N, C-alpha and C. Protein backbone atom coordinates (compact mmCIF):
# COMPACT_ATOMS: atom_id res chain seq x y z
N UNK A 1 9.08 -9.96 -24.51
CA UNK A 1 9.72 -11.10 -24.47
C UNK A 1 9.34 -11.93 -22.95
N UNK A 2 9.13 -13.59 -23.16
CA UNK A 2 8.54 -14.44 -22.14
C UNK A 2 9.43 -14.35 -21.32
N UNK A 3 9.60 -14.84 -20.15
CA UNK A 3 10.72 -14.96 -19.45
C UNK A 3 11.45 -16.29 -19.76
N UNK A 4 13.10 -16.40 -19.39
CA UNK A 4 13.53 -17.46 -19.70
C UNK A 4 13.20 -18.70 -18.89
N UNK A 5 13.13 -20.08 -19.04
CA UNK A 5 13.01 -21.02 -18.34
C UNK A 5 14.40 -22.31 -18.54
N UNK A 6 14.10 -22.72 -17.39
CA UNK A 6 15.36 -24.01 -17.19
C UNK A 6 14.88 -24.64 -18.26
N UNK A 7 16.00 -24.90 -19.44
CA UNK A 7 15.49 -25.67 -20.16
C UNK A 7 15.69 -27.77 -19.74
N UNK A 8 15.17 -28.39 -20.50
CA UNK A 8 15.04 -29.81 -20.12
C UNK A 8 15.94 -30.26 -20.35
N UNK A 9 16.95 -31.39 -20.15
CA UNK A 9 17.90 -32.30 -20.35
C UNK A 9 17.52 -33.07 -21.39
N UNK A 10 17.98 -33.83 -22.10
CA UNK A 10 17.91 -34.98 -22.45
C UNK A 10 18.19 -36.53 -22.06
N UNK A 11 18.98 -35.99 -20.84
CA UNK A 11 18.89 -37.04 -20.22
C UNK A 11 18.66 -37.05 -18.26
N UNK A 12 19.09 -38.05 -17.57
CA UNK A 12 18.40 -38.28 -16.12
C UNK A 12 19.45 -37.61 -15.26
N UNK A 13 19.71 -36.92 -14.29
CA UNK A 13 20.89 -36.70 -13.87
C UNK A 13 22.01 -37.56 -13.06
N UNK A 14 21.53 -38.55 -13.55
CA UNK A 14 23.12 -39.59 -12.73
C UNK A 14 23.44 -40.38 -14.28
N UNK A 15 22.78 -39.58 -15.74
CA UNK A 15 23.27 -40.43 -16.87
C UNK A 15 24.63 -40.23 -17.52
N UNK A 16 25.15 -38.98 -16.35
CA UNK A 16 26.40 -38.88 -17.43
C UNK A 16 27.91 -39.40 -15.91
N UNK A 17 26.82 -39.80 -15.19
CA UNK A 17 28.18 -40.92 -14.61
C UNK A 17 28.85 -41.96 -15.24
N UNK A 18 29.81 -42.43 -15.15
CA UNK A 18 30.87 -42.02 -13.80
C UNK A 18 31.86 -40.01 -14.19
N UNK A 19 31.90 -39.56 -15.21
CA UNK A 19 31.98 -38.45 -15.62
C UNK A 19 31.67 -37.37 -14.86
N UNK A 20 30.58 -37.19 -14.74
CA UNK A 20 29.81 -36.35 -13.88
C UNK A 20 28.76 -36.62 -12.86
N UNK A 21 29.12 -36.63 -11.64
CA UNK A 21 28.27 -37.22 -10.92
C UNK A 21 27.14 -36.73 -10.89
N UNK A 22 26.04 -37.62 -9.79
CA UNK A 22 24.85 -37.29 -9.88
C UNK A 22 24.80 -36.09 -9.11
N UNK A 23 25.10 -35.76 -7.72
CA UNK A 23 25.37 -34.98 -6.87
C UNK A 23 25.57 -33.19 -7.05
N UNK A 24 27.17 -33.57 -8.47
CA UNK A 24 27.10 -32.15 -8.92
C UNK A 24 26.27 -31.82 -9.81
N UNK A 25 25.65 -32.70 -10.84
CA UNK A 25 24.60 -32.33 -11.61
C UNK A 25 23.16 -31.70 -10.93
N UNK A 26 23.05 -32.01 -10.05
CA UNK A 26 21.69 -31.61 -9.35
C UNK A 26 22.32 -30.24 -8.98
N UNK A 27 23.53 -29.76 -8.25
CA UNK A 27 23.42 -28.32 -7.78
C UNK A 27 23.63 -27.77 -8.89
N UNK A 28 24.57 -28.14 -10.21
CA UNK A 28 24.96 -27.68 -11.27
C UNK A 28 23.33 -27.14 -11.37
N UNK A 29 22.89 -27.70 -12.53
CA UNK A 29 21.75 -28.02 -13.30
C UNK A 29 20.60 -26.39 -12.56
N UNK A 30 20.01 -27.70 -11.19
CA UNK A 30 19.06 -27.33 -10.41
C UNK A 30 19.04 -25.87 -9.85
N UNK A 31 20.79 -25.78 -9.24
CA UNK A 31 20.70 -24.62 -8.12
C UNK A 31 21.06 -23.51 -8.95
N UNK A 32 22.79 -23.95 -9.45
CA UNK A 32 23.48 -22.34 -10.50
C UNK A 32 22.94 -22.14 -11.51
N UNK A 33 22.29 -22.61 -12.27
CA UNK A 33 21.55 -22.77 -13.55
C UNK A 33 20.09 -21.94 -13.51
N UNK A 34 19.48 -22.12 -12.50
CA UNK A 34 18.45 -22.00 -12.51
C UNK A 34 18.51 -20.52 -11.70
N UNK A 35 19.76 -20.31 -10.88
CA UNK A 35 19.80 -18.93 -10.27
C UNK A 35 19.45 -17.78 -11.25
N UNK A 36 20.94 -18.43 -11.99
CA UNK A 36 21.31 -17.82 -13.76
C UNK A 36 19.85 -16.89 -14.00
N UNK A 37 18.86 -18.32 -14.20
CA UNK A 37 17.83 -17.78 -14.97
C UNK A 37 16.75 -16.57 -14.34
N UNK A 38 16.69 -16.76 -12.96
CA UNK A 38 15.87 -16.08 -11.86
C UNK A 38 16.50 -14.48 -12.09
N UNK A 39 17.61 -14.67 -11.61
CA UNK A 39 18.11 -13.31 -11.67
C UNK A 39 18.24 -12.55 -13.42
N UNK A 40 18.62 -13.08 -14.33
CA UNK A 40 18.23 -12.34 -15.42
C UNK A 40 17.17 -12.15 -15.87
N UNK A 41 16.00 -12.92 -15.57
CA UNK A 41 14.38 -12.73 -15.39
C UNK A 41 14.26 -11.27 -15.12
N UNK A 42 14.65 -11.39 -13.45
CA UNK A 42 14.55 -10.08 -12.95
C UNK A 42 15.21 -9.03 -13.42
N UNK A 43 16.45 -9.01 -13.76
CA UNK A 43 17.17 -7.68 -14.58
C UNK A 43 16.49 -6.91 -15.92
N UNK A 44 16.30 -8.18 -16.93
CA UNK A 44 15.48 -7.69 -17.69
C UNK A 44 13.66 -7.57 -17.58
N UNK A 45 12.86 -7.66 -16.72
CA UNK A 45 11.99 -7.04 -16.00
C UNK A 45 12.23 -5.54 -15.99
N UNK A 46 13.64 -5.15 -15.60
CA UNK A 46 13.77 -4.11 -15.70
C UNK A 46 14.10 -2.98 -16.52
N UNK A 47 14.00 -3.84 -17.51
CA UNK A 47 14.42 -3.10 -18.57
C UNK A 47 13.28 -3.97 -20.29
N UNK A 48 11.92 -2.80 -20.67
CA UNK A 48 11.39 -3.35 -21.67
C UNK A 48 11.69 -3.29 -22.65
N UNK A 49 12.77 -2.85 -22.92
CA UNK A 49 13.49 -3.20 -24.13
C UNK A 49 14.37 -3.88 -24.99
N UNK A 50 13.93 -4.94 -23.69
CA UNK A 50 15.46 -6.47 -24.10
C UNK A 50 14.80 -6.82 -25.24
N UNK A 51 15.95 -7.59 -25.53
CA UNK A 51 15.79 -8.49 -26.95
C UNK A 51 16.32 -9.96 -26.30
N UNK A 52 16.18 -11.01 -27.33
CA UNK A 52 16.96 -11.61 -27.46
C UNK A 52 18.76 -12.29 -26.61
N UNK A 53 18.96 -12.87 -26.18
CA UNK A 53 20.48 -13.07 -25.52
C UNK A 53 21.32 -12.65 -26.73
N UNK A 54 21.16 -13.38 -27.78
CA UNK A 54 22.24 -13.54 -28.89
C UNK A 54 22.25 -11.93 -29.28
N UNK A 55 21.07 -11.66 -29.42
CA UNK A 55 21.17 -9.65 -30.25
C UNK A 55 22.08 -8.95 -28.88
N UNK A 56 21.65 -9.35 -27.79
CA UNK A 56 22.25 -8.36 -26.74
C UNK A 56 23.63 -8.90 -26.87
N UNK A 57 23.94 -9.76 -26.69
CA UNK A 57 25.44 -10.24 -26.85
C UNK A 57 26.18 -9.29 -27.99
N UNK A 58 25.43 -9.68 -29.61
CA UNK A 58 26.35 -9.62 -30.15
C UNK A 58 26.24 -7.50 -30.68
N UNK A 59 25.28 -7.11 -30.40
CA UNK A 59 24.95 -5.50 -30.55
C UNK A 59 25.32 -4.65 -29.75
N UNK A 60 25.89 -5.22 -28.24
CA UNK A 60 26.07 -4.42 -28.01
C UNK A 60 25.62 -3.20 -27.25
N UNK A 61 24.15 -3.42 -27.32
CA UNK A 61 23.43 -2.04 -27.12
C UNK A 61 22.95 -1.46 -25.85
N UNK A 62 23.77 -1.98 -24.74
CA UNK A 62 23.90 -1.65 -24.13
C UNK A 62 23.49 -2.02 -22.82
N UNK A 63 22.84 -3.29 -22.59
CA UNK A 63 21.87 -4.01 -21.39
C UNK A 63 23.25 -4.92 -20.95
N UNK A 64 24.20 -4.94 -22.04
CA UNK A 64 25.72 -6.00 -21.29
C UNK A 64 26.39 -4.90 -20.08
N UNK A 65 26.05 -3.80 -20.28
CA UNK A 65 26.05 -2.54 -19.27
C UNK A 65 26.09 -3.03 -17.66
N UNK A 66 24.91 -3.60 -17.81
CA UNK A 66 24.31 -4.14 -16.95
C UNK A 66 25.03 -5.19 -15.99
N UNK A 67 25.61 -5.24 -15.04
CA UNK A 67 26.61 -6.56 -14.74
C UNK A 67 25.22 -7.67 -14.53
N UNK A 68 24.40 -7.71 -14.31
CA UNK A 68 23.08 -8.23 -14.15
C UNK A 68 22.89 -9.32 -15.25
N UNK A 69 22.89 -8.59 -15.91
CA UNK A 69 22.59 -8.47 -17.27
C UNK A 69 23.85 -10.06 -18.18
N UNK A 70 24.82 -8.56 -18.23
CA UNK A 70 26.09 -9.67 -18.35
C UNK A 70 26.56 -10.94 -17.66
N UNK A 71 25.88 -11.48 -16.49
CA UNK A 71 26.64 -12.42 -15.72
C UNK A 71 25.84 -13.32 -15.58
N UNK A 72 24.43 -13.09 -15.35
CA UNK A 72 23.21 -13.75 -15.53
C UNK A 72 22.85 -13.97 -16.91
N UNK A 73 22.73 -13.19 -18.11
CA UNK A 73 22.43 -13.76 -19.38
C UNK A 73 23.81 -14.67 -20.18
N UNK A 74 24.78 -14.40 -19.58
CA UNK A 74 25.78 -15.36 -20.02
C UNK A 74 26.08 -16.61 -19.23
N UNK A 75 25.33 -16.59 -18.31
CA UNK A 75 25.29 -17.84 -17.44
C UNK A 75 24.52 -18.56 -17.71
N UNK A 76 23.08 -18.32 -17.92
CA UNK A 76 22.08 -19.29 -18.57
C UNK A 76 22.37 -19.74 -19.82
N UNK A 77 23.15 -18.69 -21.07
CA UNK A 77 23.50 -19.18 -22.28
C UNK A 77 24.56 -20.08 -22.71
N UNK A 78 25.36 -19.95 -22.00
CA UNK A 78 26.60 -20.47 -21.59
C UNK A 78 26.25 -22.20 -21.28
N UNK A 79 25.38 -22.06 -19.91
CA UNK A 79 24.76 -23.03 -19.45
C UNK A 79 23.75 -24.12 -20.25
N UNK A 80 23.33 -23.80 -20.81
CA UNK A 80 22.66 -24.01 -21.87
C UNK A 80 22.72 -24.87 -23.21
N UNK A 81 24.31 -24.34 -23.77
CA UNK A 81 25.28 -24.84 -24.47
C UNK A 81 25.89 -26.06 -24.22
N UNK A 82 25.98 -25.81 -22.66
CA UNK A 82 27.27 -27.22 -21.67
C UNK A 82 26.01 -28.45 -22.06
N UNK A 83 25.28 -28.26 -21.17
CA UNK A 83 23.78 -29.42 -21.44
C UNK A 83 23.99 -30.03 -23.01
N UNK A 84 23.82 -29.40 -23.49
CA UNK A 84 23.52 -29.58 -24.87
C UNK A 84 23.86 -30.15 -25.79
N UNK A 85 25.52 -29.98 -25.76
CA UNK A 85 26.37 -31.13 -26.05
C UNK A 85 27.11 -32.29 -25.61
N UNK A 86 26.47 -32.63 -24.43
CA UNK A 86 26.95 -33.72 -23.74
C UNK A 86 25.65 -34.79 -23.66
N UNK A 87 26.45 -36.09 -23.42
CA UNK A 87 25.45 -37.17 -23.71
C UNK A 87 25.91 -38.06 -23.33
N UNK A 88 24.98 -38.95 -22.00
CA UNK A 88 25.40 -40.32 -21.63
C UNK A 88 26.39 -40.47 -22.07
N UNK A 89 27.90 -41.28 -21.97
CA UNK A 89 28.84 -42.26 -22.53
C UNK A 89 28.16 -43.62 -23.17
N UNK A 90 26.97 -44.16 -22.83
CA UNK A 90 26.07 -45.28 -23.00
C UNK A 90 25.50 -45.14 -24.89
N UNK A 91 25.25 -43.32 -25.10
CA UNK A 91 24.46 -43.39 -26.21
C UNK A 91 25.30 -42.35 -27.19
N UNK A 92 26.81 -41.65 -26.60
CA UNK A 92 27.36 -40.41 -27.10
C UNK A 92 28.35 -41.44 -28.75
N UNK A 93 28.11 -40.80 -29.32
CA UNK A 93 29.02 -41.32 -30.87
C UNK A 93 30.70 -40.76 -30.53
N UNK A 94 31.51 -41.74 -30.25
CA UNK A 94 32.74 -42.37 -29.61
C UNK A 94 33.56 -42.20 -30.91
N UNK A 95 33.44 -41.85 -32.16
CA UNK A 95 34.12 -42.57 -33.10
C UNK A 95 34.76 -41.06 -33.91
N UNK A 96 33.91 -39.90 -33.50
CA UNK A 96 34.40 -39.05 -34.39
C UNK A 96 34.56 -38.96 -35.86
N UNK A 97 33.07 -39.25 -36.66
CA UNK A 97 33.12 -39.83 -37.35
C UNK A 97 33.97 -38.89 -38.75
N UNK A 98 34.61 -39.10 -39.87
CA UNK A 98 34.76 -37.95 -40.43
C UNK A 98 34.01 -37.79 -41.42
N UNK A 99 32.60 -38.45 -41.61
CA UNK A 99 31.92 -38.11 -42.17
C UNK A 99 30.98 -36.58 -41.91
N UNK A 100 31.26 -36.29 -40.37
CA UNK A 100 30.95 -35.19 -39.93
C UNK A 100 31.85 -33.80 -40.45
N UNK A 101 30.87 -32.83 -40.90
CA UNK A 101 32.04 -31.90 -41.04
C UNK A 101 32.81 -31.16 -40.18
N UNK A 102 32.46 -31.21 -38.76
CA UNK A 102 33.45 -30.41 -38.16
C UNK A 102 34.46 -31.15 -37.58
N UNK A 103 34.35 -32.31 -38.08
CA UNK A 103 35.23 -33.31 -37.49
C UNK A 103 36.51 -33.13 -38.68
N UNK A 104 36.02 -33.28 -40.07
CA UNK A 104 36.83 -32.93 -41.38
C UNK A 104 37.47 -31.67 -40.97
N UNK A 105 36.72 -30.43 -40.49
CA UNK A 105 37.47 -29.04 -40.36
C UNK A 105 38.47 -28.87 -39.20
N UNK A 106 38.15 -29.99 -38.44
CA UNK A 106 39.60 -29.88 -37.21
C UNK A 106 40.31 -30.78 -37.72
N UNK A 107 40.12 -31.69 -38.35
CA UNK A 107 41.23 -32.59 -39.23
C UNK A 107 42.14 -31.35 -40.22
N UNK A 108 41.29 -30.93 -40.95
CA UNK A 108 42.07 -30.13 -41.91
C UNK A 108 42.66 -28.94 -40.89
N UNK A 109 42.41 -28.06 -39.98
CA UNK A 109 42.63 -27.22 -39.95
C UNK A 109 43.79 -27.55 -38.67
N UNK A 110 43.69 -28.51 -37.99
CA UNK A 110 44.60 -28.74 -36.43
C UNK A 110 45.70 -30.14 -36.48
N UNK A 111 45.08 -30.96 -38.11
CA UNK A 111 45.85 -32.33 -37.99
C UNK A 111 44.84 -33.60 -37.57
N UNK A 112 43.86 -33.31 -36.23
CA UNK A 112 43.45 -34.35 -36.01
C UNK A 112 42.54 -33.86 -34.30
N UNK A 113 41.77 -34.40 -34.21
CA UNK A 113 40.55 -34.06 -33.42
C UNK A 113 41.13 -34.25 -32.08
N UNK A 114 42.38 -34.73 -31.72
CA UNK A 114 43.89 -35.11 -30.29
C UNK A 114 44.14 -33.68 -30.26
N UNK A 115 44.43 -32.92 -31.32
CA UNK A 115 45.17 -31.91 -30.84
C UNK A 115 44.23 -30.71 -31.01
N UNK A 116 43.36 -30.81 -31.46
CA UNK A 116 42.04 -29.78 -31.09
C UNK A 116 42.09 -30.15 -28.97
N UNK A 117 42.04 -31.34 -29.14
CA UNK A 117 41.73 -31.57 -27.81
C UNK A 117 42.05 -31.10 -26.59
N UNK A 118 44.08 -31.29 -27.12
CA UNK A 118 45.13 -30.56 -26.46
C UNK A 118 45.04 -28.89 -26.19
N UNK A 119 44.78 -28.37 -27.22
CA UNK A 119 44.58 -26.82 -27.26
C UNK A 119 43.47 -26.63 -25.95
N UNK A 120 42.83 -27.20 -26.18
CA UNK A 120 41.41 -26.69 -25.95
C UNK A 120 41.28 -27.31 -24.08
N UNK A 121 42.39 -28.07 -23.81
CA UNK A 121 42.97 -28.31 -22.37
C UNK A 121 43.45 -27.35 -22.09
N UNK A 122 44.19 -27.26 -22.73
CA UNK A 122 45.43 -25.64 -22.58
C UNK A 122 44.53 -24.31 -22.04
N UNK A 123 43.88 -24.50 -22.86
CA UNK A 123 42.44 -23.19 -22.49
C UNK A 123 42.00 -22.90 -21.69
N UNK A 124 41.13 -24.50 -21.18
CA UNK A 124 40.87 -24.59 -19.74
C UNK A 124 41.82 -24.36 -18.67
N UNK A 125 42.69 -25.13 -18.99
CA UNK A 125 43.98 -24.90 -17.62
C UNK A 125 44.26 -23.38 -17.48
N UNK A 126 44.62 -22.78 -18.68
CA UNK A 126 45.12 -21.46 -18.57
C UNK A 126 44.55 -20.41 -17.95
N UNK A 127 42.88 -20.81 -17.99
CA UNK A 127 41.97 -19.70 -16.97
C UNK A 127 42.05 -19.53 -15.84
N UNK A 128 42.76 -18.48 -15.37
CA UNK A 128 42.48 -18.37 -13.85
C UNK A 128 41.39 -18.19 -13.21
N UNK A 129 41.20 -18.63 -12.11
CA UNK A 129 39.97 -18.39 -11.52
C UNK A 129 38.65 -18.92 -12.35
N UNK A 130 37.30 -18.58 -12.91
CA UNK A 130 36.29 -19.31 -12.83
C UNK A 130 36.08 -19.03 -14.46
N UNK A 131 35.56 -19.15 -15.26
CA UNK A 131 35.14 -19.25 -16.43
C UNK A 131 35.08 -20.04 -17.05
N UNK A 132 35.40 -20.33 -18.70
CA UNK A 132 35.06 -21.41 -19.37
C UNK A 132 35.77 -21.57 -20.52
N UNK A 133 35.85 -22.97 -21.27
CA UNK A 133 36.69 -22.98 -21.99
C UNK A 133 35.86 -23.11 -24.32
N UNK A 134 36.32 -22.71 -25.14
CA UNK A 134 35.19 -23.07 -26.00
C UNK A 134 36.31 -23.22 -27.37
N UNK A 135 35.49 -23.95 -27.90
CA UNK A 135 35.92 -23.99 -29.69
C UNK A 135 34.69 -23.25 -30.60
N UNK A 136 35.00 -22.34 -30.99
CA UNK A 136 34.12 -21.33 -31.61
C UNK A 136 34.57 -21.25 -33.53
N UNK A 137 33.74 -21.00 -33.97
CA UNK A 137 33.61 -20.51 -35.25
C UNK A 137 33.86 -19.16 -35.54
N UNK A 138 35.13 -18.85 -36.54
CA UNK A 138 35.18 -16.99 -36.82
C UNK A 138 34.20 -17.01 -37.38
N UNK A 139 33.59 -16.03 -37.25
CA UNK A 139 32.50 -15.24 -37.86
C UNK A 139 32.67 -14.75 -39.56
N UNK A 140 34.13 -14.09 -39.15
CA UNK A 140 34.54 -13.94 -40.66
C UNK A 140 34.98 -14.72 -41.60
N UNK A 141 36.19 -15.52 -40.95
CA UNK A 141 37.07 -16.58 -41.63
C UNK A 141 36.12 -17.87 -41.99
N UNK A 142 35.26 -18.33 -40.78
CA UNK A 142 34.59 -19.83 -40.63
C UNK A 142 35.57 -20.53 -40.32
N UNK A 143 37.52 -20.20 -39.61
CA UNK A 143 37.84 -20.93 -39.24
C UNK A 143 37.59 -21.70 -37.98
N UNK A 144 38.03 -22.38 -37.00
CA UNK A 144 37.69 -22.71 -35.93
C UNK A 144 38.89 -21.65 -35.11
N UNK A 145 38.47 -21.60 -33.86
CA UNK A 145 39.09 -20.98 -33.23
C UNK A 145 38.92 -21.73 -31.66
N UNK A 146 40.12 -21.68 -30.66
CA UNK A 146 40.38 -22.08 -29.30
C UNK A 146 40.43 -21.03 -28.24
N UNK A 147 39.50 -20.66 -27.42
CA UNK A 147 40.33 -19.62 -26.06
C UNK A 147 39.04 -19.67 -25.03
N UNK A 148 39.11 -18.93 -24.47
CA UNK A 148 38.46 -19.07 -23.18
C UNK A 148 38.35 -17.87 -22.61
N UNK A 149 37.05 -17.33 -21.56
CA UNK A 149 36.60 -16.35 -21.14
C UNK A 149 36.65 -16.72 -19.74
N UNK A 150 36.24 -15.40 -19.03
CA UNK A 150 36.28 -15.45 -17.69
C UNK A 150 34.75 -15.33 -17.23
N UNK A 151 34.45 -15.64 -15.57
CA UNK A 151 33.09 -15.46 -15.29
C UNK A 151 32.02 -15.89 -16.11
N UNK A 152 31.14 -15.64 -16.24
CA UNK A 152 29.88 -16.13 -17.58
C UNK A 152 29.68 -15.32 -18.98
N UNK A 153 30.91 -14.62 -19.03
CA UNK A 153 31.44 -14.13 -20.49
C UNK A 153 31.52 -15.42 -21.66
N UNK A 154 31.21 -15.49 -22.62
CA UNK A 154 31.21 -15.73 -24.33
C UNK A 154 31.30 -14.93 -25.62
N UNK A 155 32.18 -15.96 -26.29
CA UNK A 155 32.69 -15.36 -27.45
C UNK A 155 31.44 -14.61 -28.17
N UNK A 156 30.80 -14.38 -28.10
CA UNK A 156 29.29 -13.85 -28.53
C UNK A 156 29.27 -12.40 -28.00
N UNK A 157 29.28 -12.31 -26.91
CA UNK A 157 29.23 -10.94 -26.69
C UNK A 157 30.36 -10.10 -26.94
N UNK A 158 29.75 -8.22 -27.85
CA UNK A 158 31.07 -7.76 -28.15
C UNK A 158 31.21 -6.19 -27.40
N UNK A 159 32.53 -7.07 -26.33
CA UNK A 159 33.25 -6.43 -25.33
C UNK A 159 34.23 -6.59 -25.55
N UNK A 160 35.19 -5.84 -25.13
CA UNK A 160 36.31 -5.71 -25.32
C UNK A 160 37.49 -6.77 -24.50
N UNK A 161 38.37 -7.45 -25.04
CA UNK A 161 39.00 -8.56 -24.41
C UNK A 161 38.72 -9.55 -24.61
N UNK A 162 37.11 -9.89 -25.48
CA UNK A 162 36.27 -11.00 -26.11
C UNK A 162 36.62 -11.62 -26.95
N UNK A 163 37.88 -12.95 -27.41
CA UNK A 163 37.86 -13.11 -28.44
C UNK A 163 36.47 -13.47 -29.39
N UNK A 164 35.90 -12.99 -30.89
CA UNK A 164 34.80 -12.78 -31.16
C UNK A 164 34.63 -14.11 -31.79
N UNK A 165 33.71 -14.70 -31.55
CA UNK A 165 33.32 -15.75 -32.32
C UNK A 165 32.05 -16.63 -32.61
N UNK A 166 31.15 -17.67 -32.50
CA UNK A 166 30.09 -18.72 -32.82
C UNK A 166 30.26 -19.66 -31.73
N UNK A 167 30.24 -19.83 -30.58
CA UNK A 167 30.88 -21.31 -29.91
C UNK A 167 29.96 -22.36 -30.39
N UNK A 168 30.65 -23.81 -30.31
CA UNK A 168 30.13 -24.74 -30.74
C UNK A 168 30.49 -26.16 -29.85
N UNK A 169 31.57 -25.20 -29.17
CA UNK A 169 31.93 -26.38 -27.52
C UNK A 169 32.07 -25.79 -26.74
N UNK A 170 31.58 -25.60 -25.52
CA UNK A 170 31.35 -24.68 -24.61
C UNK A 170 31.76 -25.70 -23.06
N UNK A 171 32.61 -25.64 -22.08
CA UNK A 171 32.88 -26.22 -20.95
C UNK A 171 33.03 -25.76 -19.69
N UNK A 172 32.34 -25.50 -18.74
CA UNK A 172 32.64 -24.95 -17.74
C UNK A 172 33.55 -25.02 -16.92
N UNK A 173 34.52 -24.26 -16.08
CA UNK A 173 35.46 -24.65 -15.54
C UNK A 173 35.13 -23.58 -14.25
N UNK A 174 34.12 -23.39 -14.04
CA UNK A 174 33.89 -22.89 -12.33
C UNK A 174 34.05 -24.03 -11.70
N UNK A 175 34.53 -24.23 -10.24
CA UNK A 175 34.84 -25.25 -9.37
C UNK A 175 33.67 -25.73 -9.34
N UNK A 176 32.67 -25.31 -9.44
CA UNK A 176 30.92 -26.29 -8.68
C UNK A 176 30.78 -26.79 -10.09
N UNK A 177 31.36 -27.08 -11.66
CA UNK A 177 31.18 -28.06 -12.22
C UNK A 177 31.95 -29.16 -12.17
N UNK A 178 32.99 -29.03 -11.27
CA UNK A 178 34.12 -30.35 -10.92
C UNK A 178 34.71 -30.54 -9.69
N UNK A 179 34.05 -29.58 -8.96
CA UNK A 179 35.02 -29.78 -7.69
C UNK A 179 34.50 -31.24 -6.85
N UNK A 180 33.06 -31.36 -6.58
CA UNK A 180 32.89 -32.77 -5.63
C UNK A 180 33.41 -33.39 -6.09
N UNK A 181 33.94 -34.31 -7.50
CA UNK A 181 34.20 -34.88 -7.77
C UNK A 181 35.72 -35.21 -7.65
N UNK A 182 36.12 -34.13 -8.64
CA UNK A 182 37.73 -33.69 -9.39
C UNK A 182 38.69 -33.28 -8.18
N UNK A 183 38.06 -32.28 -7.74
CA UNK A 183 38.61 -31.14 -6.63
C UNK A 183 39.07 -30.15 -7.21
N UNK A 184 40.72 -29.87 -7.00
CA UNK A 184 41.38 -29.27 -7.38
C UNK A 184 42.33 -29.81 -8.96
N UNK A 185 41.67 -30.86 -9.49
CA UNK A 185 42.36 -31.59 -10.20
C UNK A 185 41.08 -31.20 -11.75
N UNK A 186 41.37 -29.84 -12.02
CA UNK A 186 40.47 -29.29 -13.66
C UNK A 186 41.46 -30.23 -14.63
N UNK A 187 42.34 -30.81 -14.92
CA UNK A 187 43.15 -31.19 -15.68
C UNK A 187 42.31 -32.40 -15.97
N UNK A 188 42.23 -33.30 -14.40
CA UNK A 188 41.29 -34.48 -15.05
C UNK A 188 39.95 -34.25 -15.16
N UNK A 189 39.34 -33.36 -15.03
CA UNK A 189 37.63 -33.22 -15.51
C UNK A 189 37.90 -32.92 -16.80
N UNK A 190 38.69 -31.78 -17.19
CA UNK A 190 38.70 -31.32 -18.92
C UNK A 190 38.82 -32.66 -19.47
N UNK A 191 39.45 -33.86 -19.48
CA UNK A 191 40.02 -34.81 -20.05
C UNK A 191 38.62 -35.68 -20.27
N UNK A 192 38.37 -35.96 -19.35
CA UNK A 192 37.30 -36.82 -18.74
C UNK A 192 35.60 -36.28 -19.38
N UNK A 193 35.55 -34.91 -19.25
CA UNK A 193 34.66 -34.38 -20.05
C UNK A 193 33.83 -34.85 -21.42
N UNK A 194 35.86 -34.90 -22.00
CA UNK A 194 35.71 -34.70 -23.26
C UNK A 194 34.84 -36.17 -23.63
N UNK A 195 34.77 -37.02 -23.04
CA UNK A 195 34.39 -38.31 -23.48
C UNK A 195 32.59 -38.01 -23.72
N UNK A 196 32.29 -36.96 -22.83
CA UNK A 196 30.73 -36.96 -23.47
C UNK A 196 30.33 -35.97 -24.38
N UNK A 197 31.32 -36.00 -25.13
CA UNK A 197 30.57 -34.74 -26.06
C UNK A 197 29.75 -35.54 -26.84
N UNK A 198 29.05 -34.78 -27.42
CA UNK A 198 28.06 -34.96 -28.75
C UNK A 198 28.62 -34.99 -30.09
N UNK A 199 28.91 -35.29 -30.50
CA UNK A 199 29.81 -35.28 -31.76
C UNK A 199 28.71 -34.76 -33.01
N UNK A 200 27.68 -35.45 -32.63
CA UNK A 200 26.50 -34.74 -33.87
C UNK A 200 25.97 -33.45 -33.20
N UNK A 201 25.30 -33.47 -32.15
CA UNK A 201 24.64 -32.30 -31.89
C UNK A 201 25.95 -30.92 -32.03
N UNK A 202 27.33 -30.99 -31.34
CA UNK A 202 28.37 -30.10 -32.13
C UNK A 202 28.73 -29.90 -33.43
N UNK A 203 28.38 -31.05 -34.61
CA UNK A 203 28.42 -30.68 -35.86
C UNK A 203 27.37 -29.90 -36.16
N UNK A 204 25.84 -29.85 -35.78
CA UNK A 204 24.87 -29.41 -35.81
C UNK A 204 24.95 -27.67 -35.77
N UNK A 205 25.62 -27.60 -34.77
CA UNK A 205 26.10 -26.47 -34.51
C UNK A 205 26.99 -25.69 -35.53
N UNK A 206 28.13 -26.56 -35.84
CA UNK A 206 28.86 -25.86 -36.51
C UNK A 206 28.67 -25.40 -38.44
N UNK A 207 27.34 -26.28 -38.57
CA UNK A 207 26.96 -26.19 -39.87
C UNK A 207 26.06 -25.00 -39.69
N UNK A 208 25.34 -24.66 -38.66
CA UNK A 208 24.71 -23.78 -38.36
C UNK A 208 25.64 -22.12 -38.60
N UNK A 209 26.82 -22.30 -37.95
CA UNK A 209 27.87 -21.60 -37.73
C UNK A 209 28.36 -20.97 -38.80
N UNK A 210 28.76 -21.63 -40.05
CA UNK A 210 29.13 -21.22 -41.18
C UNK A 210 28.41 -21.42 -42.21
N UNK A 211 26.97 -21.11 -42.01
CA UNK A 211 26.21 -20.42 -43.05
C UNK A 211 26.57 -19.31 -43.31
């Protein structure tokens, strides 16, 4: 397997303002995410039988027993998803169009997108310490699930205590994701970052997950 690299962003570091400030983006993307990638590549170089991250997570083939793979592999995957589903407010879809299958599913299952947002916020606030809040597709029923995971774990990981599913929305609730701007007000961050969600990209992930 070739080395993992930092994915290119579709926007400039200052284009998520005022929701996420440029300094946070610089530290989060260029420092934190890059460190996960560097440490992951080092960990996998020590294991010649490594596979794709998704296969490592799903198959529980032994690599996840290595904390360096679990933590840094999760850190890379989670952040790559996080950057991908965000867009600047100036171009993000603001309408949650009912033409999108994922929005139709949210309405049919939860009555409204606002209900999903509220439950998602509860999951993010309920995560003690560092972790992530998720909206996932159940791999069996194809229904949506809202959950959270600690540290850099994610719902793809075949591990005890992890609620399984395919993530379509993932928001970082580590303090480094929001503390420079929001300080201890995680709720304010969770409410604000929802306005950056790119529903077209989330819908693409949902359609791929239900196939």
